[in-house]
Amino acid sequence: MISPEILAEQVMGYVVWASELIPTLQPSPENPFSVAILPQGPHFYTWLLQAAGYLLLDTYKKKMIIISQQSDSKDVVLDTNNYGPTLGQIRKNTDTEIQAIAKKLGAKLSSQEHSLWEQIGVQLPFLRIITKTDTIIHVNIGDNIPTTKIHKVVDWINKKFTEYNVVILANIELPKPATSKKTDEQWQLLKIIKTPSSSTPLLTIFQNILRLQKQKPEIVAYVNPSDFGKPKSLTTRYVCAVG
């Protein structure tokens, strides 16, 4: 078990590294980013990308919605875990607030048998050290979620957008292994992020939020696992994108 002090040092190391490697890592004071796609993947590949994403989010917003995905389900599940007191902070949501949100989303409440800790546990040190977040709402959706439920989630987020940053945890799948230049692959990833598809509900949520907010997506950085010795046949890409 890593101590909070060592964990904080590791996160700050990735913050410095991200700032040095990505010269454009400066949010716009006039039009800050409030939505990010961040990877749900191995720490070795993704911690730098997570640091970059959280650095770019609106620093004035103290509330965050995190959306993750589970396989083989048509449900929306609202996380009831109390993510504290890691690094001296706790979630402020009351049981009454959680139940009210679940009702608006038509969501089930998570249980001990359906714990969602593994979905976002690795995100907590980053958002708590880099951002001023004090309230976390974690929504978990099934990969077979009906379109009507997606719309309900998007409508609820849109009404809360002035208060909340939104982080969507999703890896991007290329249709086939890339054989082109890295710049061409980044263009392909951006096209996937922009193109609606019923088979990618997390991307659909991202696209609809940006459409309603009249924002355009931007890829900050991404990782191709084959650059680190993994088979070139892999189509998974770990992406940090904002909007």
Protein backbone atom coordinates (compact mmCIF):
# COMPACT_ATOMS: atom_id res chain seq x y z
CA MET A 1 0.00 0.00 0.00
CA ILE A 2 1.49 3.35 -1.09
CA SER A 3 1.43 6.09 1.55
CA PRO A 4 -0.47 9.31 0.73
CA GLU A 5 2.79 11.27 0.78
CA ILE A 6 4.52 9.03 -1.79
CA LEU A 7 1.37 8.94 -3.92
CA ALA A 8 1.22 12.74 -3.92
CA GLU A 9 4.88 12.93 -4.95
CA GLN A 10 4.26 10.50 -7.83
CA VAL A 11 1.28 12.49 -9.08
CA MET A 12 3.22 15.78 -8.90
CA GLY A 13 6.02 14.12 -10.85
CA TYR A 14 3.57 13.31 -13.64
CA VAL A 15 2.22 16.87 -13.50
CA VAL A 16 5.70 18.30 -14.08
CA TRP A 17 6.42 15.72 -16.78
CA ALA A 18 3.16 16.45 -18.59
CA SER A 19 3.84 20.20 -18.52
CA GLU A 20 7.33 19.69 -19.98
CA LEU A 21 6.34 17.21 -22.70
CA ILE A 22 3.19 18.98 -23.86
CA PRO A 23 4.02 22.67 -24.50
CA THR A 24 0.40 23.51 -25.37
CA LEU A 25 -0.83 22.34 -21.95
CA GLN A 26 -2.34 25.69 -21.05
CA PRO A 27 -6.10 26.10 -20.54
CA SER A 28 -7.74 29.18 -22.00
CA PRO A 29 -8.89 31.59 -19.24
CA GLU A 30 -11.66 32.87 -21.53
CA ASN A 31 -12.93 29.44 -22.62
CA PRO A 32 -11.65 26.71 -20.27
CA PHE A 33 -12.20 23.03 -20.95
CA SER A 34 -14.88 21.31 -18.90
CA VAL A 35 -14.99 17.87 -20.54
CA ALA A 36 -12.21 15.31 -20.93
CA ILE A 37 -11.82 11.78 -22.23
CA LEU A 38 -9.16 10.00 -20.20
CA PRO A 39 -7.89 6.42 -20.46
CA GLN A 40 -9.17 3.45 -18.53
CA GLY A 41 -5.98 1.44 -18.79
CA PRO A 42 -2.65 0.34 -17.32
CA HIS A 43 -0.99 2.98 -15.16
CA PHE A 44 2.30 2.65 -17.01
CA TYR A 45 0.69 4.04 -20.16
CA THR A 46 -1.90 6.39 -18.74
CA TRP A 47 -0.74 8.40 -15.73
CA LEU A 48 0.89 11.08 -17.88
CA LEU A 49 -2.30 11.41 -19.91
CA GLN A 50 -4.42 11.64 -16.77
CA ALA A 51 -2.22 14.42 -15.40
CA ALA A 52 -2.54 16.31 -18.68
CA GLY A 53 -6.34 15.99 -18.75
CA TYR A 54 -6.91 17.16 -15.20
CA LEU A 55 -4.52 20.09 -15.66
CA LEU A 56 -6.66 21.38 -18.52
CA LEU A 57 -10.04 21.26 -16.77
CA ASP A 58 -11.78 24.39 -15.51
CA THR A 59 -10.03 25.25 -12.24
CA TYR A 60 -13.02 27.18 -10.87
CA LYS A 61 -15.36 24.21 -10.84
CA LYS A 62 -15.27 22.23 -7.58
CA LYS A 63 -17.64 19.47 -8.66
CA MET A 64 -16.96 16.59 -11.04
CA ILE A 65 -18.97 13.95 -12.87
CA ILE A 66 -16.98 10.84 -13.78
CA ILE A 67 -18.51 8.44 -16.29
CA SER A 68 -17.22 4.89 -16.68
CA GLN A 69 -18.49 1.81 -18.50
CA GLN A 70 -19.17 -1.82 -17.73
CA SER A 71 -19.65 -4.67 -20.16
CA ASP A 72 -22.78 -6.66 -20.91
CA SER A 73 -25.33 -4.41 -19.23
CA LYS A 74 -28.17 -2.09 -20.18
CA ASP A 75 -28.18 -0.29 -16.83
CA VAL A 76 -27.10 3.06 -15.50
CA VAL A 77 -25.54 2.58 -12.04
CA LEU A 78 -24.89 5.45 -9.63
CA ASP A 79 -21.91 4.98 -7.35
CA THR A 80 -22.71 5.11 -3.62
CA ASN A 81 -19.11 4.66 -2.42
CA ASN A 82 -17.68 7.27 -0.09
CA TYR A 83 -14.27 8.04 -1.59
CA GLY A 84 -12.58 9.41 1.49
CA PRO A 85 -10.65 10.33 3.45
CA THR A 86 -7.92 9.75 0.81
CA LEU A 87 -5.52 12.71 0.89
CA GLY A 88 -7.65 14.41 3.52
CA GLN A 89 -10.80 14.83 1.43
CA ILE A 90 -14.19 13.17 1.39
CA ARG A 91 -17.14 13.24 -0.94
CA LYS A 92 -19.84 15.69 0.13
CA ASN A 93 -22.88 14.00 -1.43
CA THR A 94 -25.54 12.90 1.04
CA ASP A 95 -27.62 9.74 0.63
CA THR A 96 -30.62 11.95 -0.14
CA GLU A 97 -28.74 13.71 -2.96
CA ILE A 98 -27.56 10.42 -4.43
CA GLN A 99 -31.06 8.98 -4.40
CA ALA A 100 -32.45 12.12 -6.06
CA ILE A 101 -29.84 11.93 -8.84
CA ALA A 102 -30.50 8.21 -9.32
CA LYS A 103 -34.20 8.96 -9.76
CA LYS A 104 -33.51 11.61 -12.40
CA LEU A 105 -31.18 9.26 -14.31
CA GLY A 106 -33.35 6.18 -13.90
CA ALA A 107 -30.24 4.62 -12.37
CA LYS A 108 -29.65 1.75 -9.98
CA LEU A 109 -27.60 2.33 -6.85
CA SER A 110 -24.34 0.45 -6.53
CA SER A 111 -23.99 -2.11 -3.75
CA GLN A 112 -21.23 -4.09 -2.08
CA GLU A 113 -21.81 -6.79 -4.68
CA HIS A 114 -21.58 -4.17 -7.42
CA SER A 115 -18.69 -2.02 -6.21
CA LEU A 116 -17.40 0.61 -8.64
CA TRP A 117 -14.17 1.44 -6.77
CA GLU A 118 -11.96 -0.25 -9.37
CA GLN A 119 -13.44 1.94 -12.10
CA ILE A 120 -12.21 5.25 -10.69
CA GLY A 121 -9.91 4.52 -7.75
CA VAL A 122 -6.76 5.38 -9.72
CA GLN A 123 -8.28 8.73 -10.77
CA LEU A 124 -8.77 10.05 -7.24
CA PRO A 125 -5.17 11.07 -6.45
CA PHE A 126 -4.97 13.02 -9.73
CA LEU A 127 -8.21 14.93 -9.41
CA ARG A 128 -7.63 15.64 -5.71
CA ILE A 129 -4.07 16.92 -6.11
CA ILE A 130 -4.43 18.69 -9.45
CA THR A 131 -8.00 20.01 -9.23
CA LYS A 132 -10.06 21.72 -6.52
CA THR A 133 -12.76 19.05 -6.71
CA ASP A 134 -14.67 18.42 -3.50
CA THR A 135 -17.77 16.69 -4.90
CA ILE A 136 -17.67 13.58 -7.07
CA ILE A 137 -20.60 11.99 -8.89
CA HIS A 138 -19.65 8.68 -10.51
CA VAL A 139 -22.04 7.34 -13.13
CA ASN A 140 -21.43 3.89 -14.60
CA ILE A 141 -23.19 2.83 -17.80
CA GLY A 142 -23.54 -0.49 -19.57
CA ASP A 143 -22.15 -0.97 -23.05
CA ASN A 144 -25.63 -2.05 -24.21
CA ILE A 145 -27.37 0.99 -22.75
CA PRO A 146 -30.47 2.07 -24.74
CA THR A 147 -30.39 5.40 -26.55
CA THR A 148 -33.18 6.75 -24.33
CA LYS A 149 -30.99 6.27 -21.24
CA ILE A 150 -28.03 7.95 -22.94
CA HIS A 151 -30.22 10.98 -23.66
CA LYS A 152 -31.34 11.07 -20.02
CA VAL A 153 -27.71 11.08 -18.82
CA VAL A 154 -26.73 13.79 -21.33
CA ASP A 155 -29.73 15.98 -20.46
CA TRP A 156 -28.91 15.76 -16.75
CA ILE A 157 -25.24 16.63 -17.35
CA ASN A 158 -26.20 19.55 -19.59
CA LYS A 159 -28.32 21.04 -16.79
CA LYS A 160 -25.40 20.69 -14.35
CA PHE A 161 -22.69 21.86 -16.75
CA THR A 162 -22.08 25.27 -15.19
CA GLU A 163 -21.17 23.56 -11.89
CA TYR A 164 -19.39 20.37 -12.97
CA ASN A 165 -16.35 19.27 -14.91
CA VAL A 166 -16.97 15.99 -16.73
CA VAL A 167 -14.44 13.17 -17.11
CA ILE A 168 -15.24 10.22 -19.36
CA LEU A 169 -13.08 7.14 -18.88
CA ALA A 170 -12.75 5.42 -22.24
CA ASN A 171 -10.12 3.82 -24.43
CA ILE A 172 -10.39 4.29 -28.19
CA GLU A 173 -10.41 1.33 -30.57
CA LEU A 174 -9.11 1.72 -34.11
CA PRO A 175 -10.95 -0.32 -36.76
CA LYS A 176 -7.66 -2.05 -37.63
CA PRO A 177 -3.97 -1.80 -36.67
CA ALA A 178 -2.52 1.44 -37.93
CA THR A 179 0.28 1.36 -40.49
CA SER A 180 0.38 5.10 -41.12
CA LYS A 181 2.36 7.97 -39.61
CA LYS A 182 1.61 9.08 -36.06
CA THR A 183 0.09 12.33 -37.30
CA ASP A 184 -2.26 10.37 -39.57
CA GLU A 185 -3.21 8.07 -36.70
CA GLN A 186 -4.01 11.05 -34.50
CA TRP A 187 -6.27 12.39 -37.24
CA GLN A 188 -7.98 8.98 -37.39
CA LEU A 189 -8.51 8.99 -33.62
CA LEU A 190 -9.99 12.49 -33.78
CA LYS A 191 -12.36 11.34 -36.52
CA ILE A 192 -13.50 8.43 -34.33
CA ILE A 193 -14.09 10.79 -31.40
CA LYS A 194 -16.17 13.11 -33.60
CA THR A 195 -18.22 10.42 -35.41
CA PRO A 196 -21.46 9.25 -33.71
CA SER A 197 -21.75 5.48 -33.27
CA SER A 198 -24.38 3.44 -31.45
CA SER A 199 -21.69 0.94 -30.42
CA THR A 200 -19.70 3.47 -28.36
CA PRO A 201 -22.04 4.97 -25.73
CA LEU A 202 -19.26 6.80 -23.84
CA LEU A 203 -18.15 8.58 -27.00
CA THR A 204 -21.79 9.33 -27.80
CA ILE A 205 -22.15 11.05 -24.42
CA PHE A 206 -18.94 13.03 -25.04
CA GLN A 207 -20.12 14.08 -28.51
CA ASN A 208 -23.58 15.13 -27.33
CA ILE A 209 -22.23 17.18 -24.43
CA LEU A 210 -19.88 19.07 -26.77
CA ARG A 211 -22.66 19.55 -29.31
CA LEU A 212 -24.95 21.09 -26.70
CA GLN A 213 -22.12 23.29 -25.41
CA LYS A 214 -21.00 24.19 -28.95
CA GLN A 215 -17.47 22.95 -28.29
CA LYS A 216 -15.05 21.03 -30.50
CA PRO A 217 -12.91 18.09 -29.32
CA GLU A 218 -9.15 18.32 -29.24
CA ILE A 219 -6.67 15.46 -28.77
CA VAL A 220 -3.96 16.54 -26.34
CA ALA A 221 -1.88 13.35 -26.45
CA TYR A 222 -2.27 9.60 -26.86
CA VAL A 223 -0.35 6.38 -26.40
CA ASN A 224 0.07 3.53 -28.88
CA PRO A 225 1.04 0.44 -26.79
CA SER A 226 3.20 -0.87 -29.64
CA ASP A 227 5.58 2.03 -28.95
CA PHE A 228 6.34 0.26 -25.68
CA GLY A 229 7.00 -3.20 -27.07
CA LYS A 230 3.41 -4.44 -27.31
CA PRO A 231 2.25 -6.24 -30.50
CA LYS A 232 1.60 -3.93 -33.45
CA SER A 233 -1.68 -5.78 -34.02
CA LEU A 234 -3.23 -4.07 -30.98
CA THR A 235 -5.91 -1.55 -31.91
CA THR A 236 -6.44 0.00 -28.45
CA ARG A 237 -5.25 3.57 -27.99
CA TYR A 238 -5.05 5.47 -24.69
CA VAL A 239 -6.17 9.04 -25.36
CA CYS A 240 -6.37 12.34 -23.53
CA ALA A 241 -8.91 14.51 -25.35
CA VAL A 242 -10.68 17.65 -24.14
CA GLY A 243 -13.53 19.87 -25.20
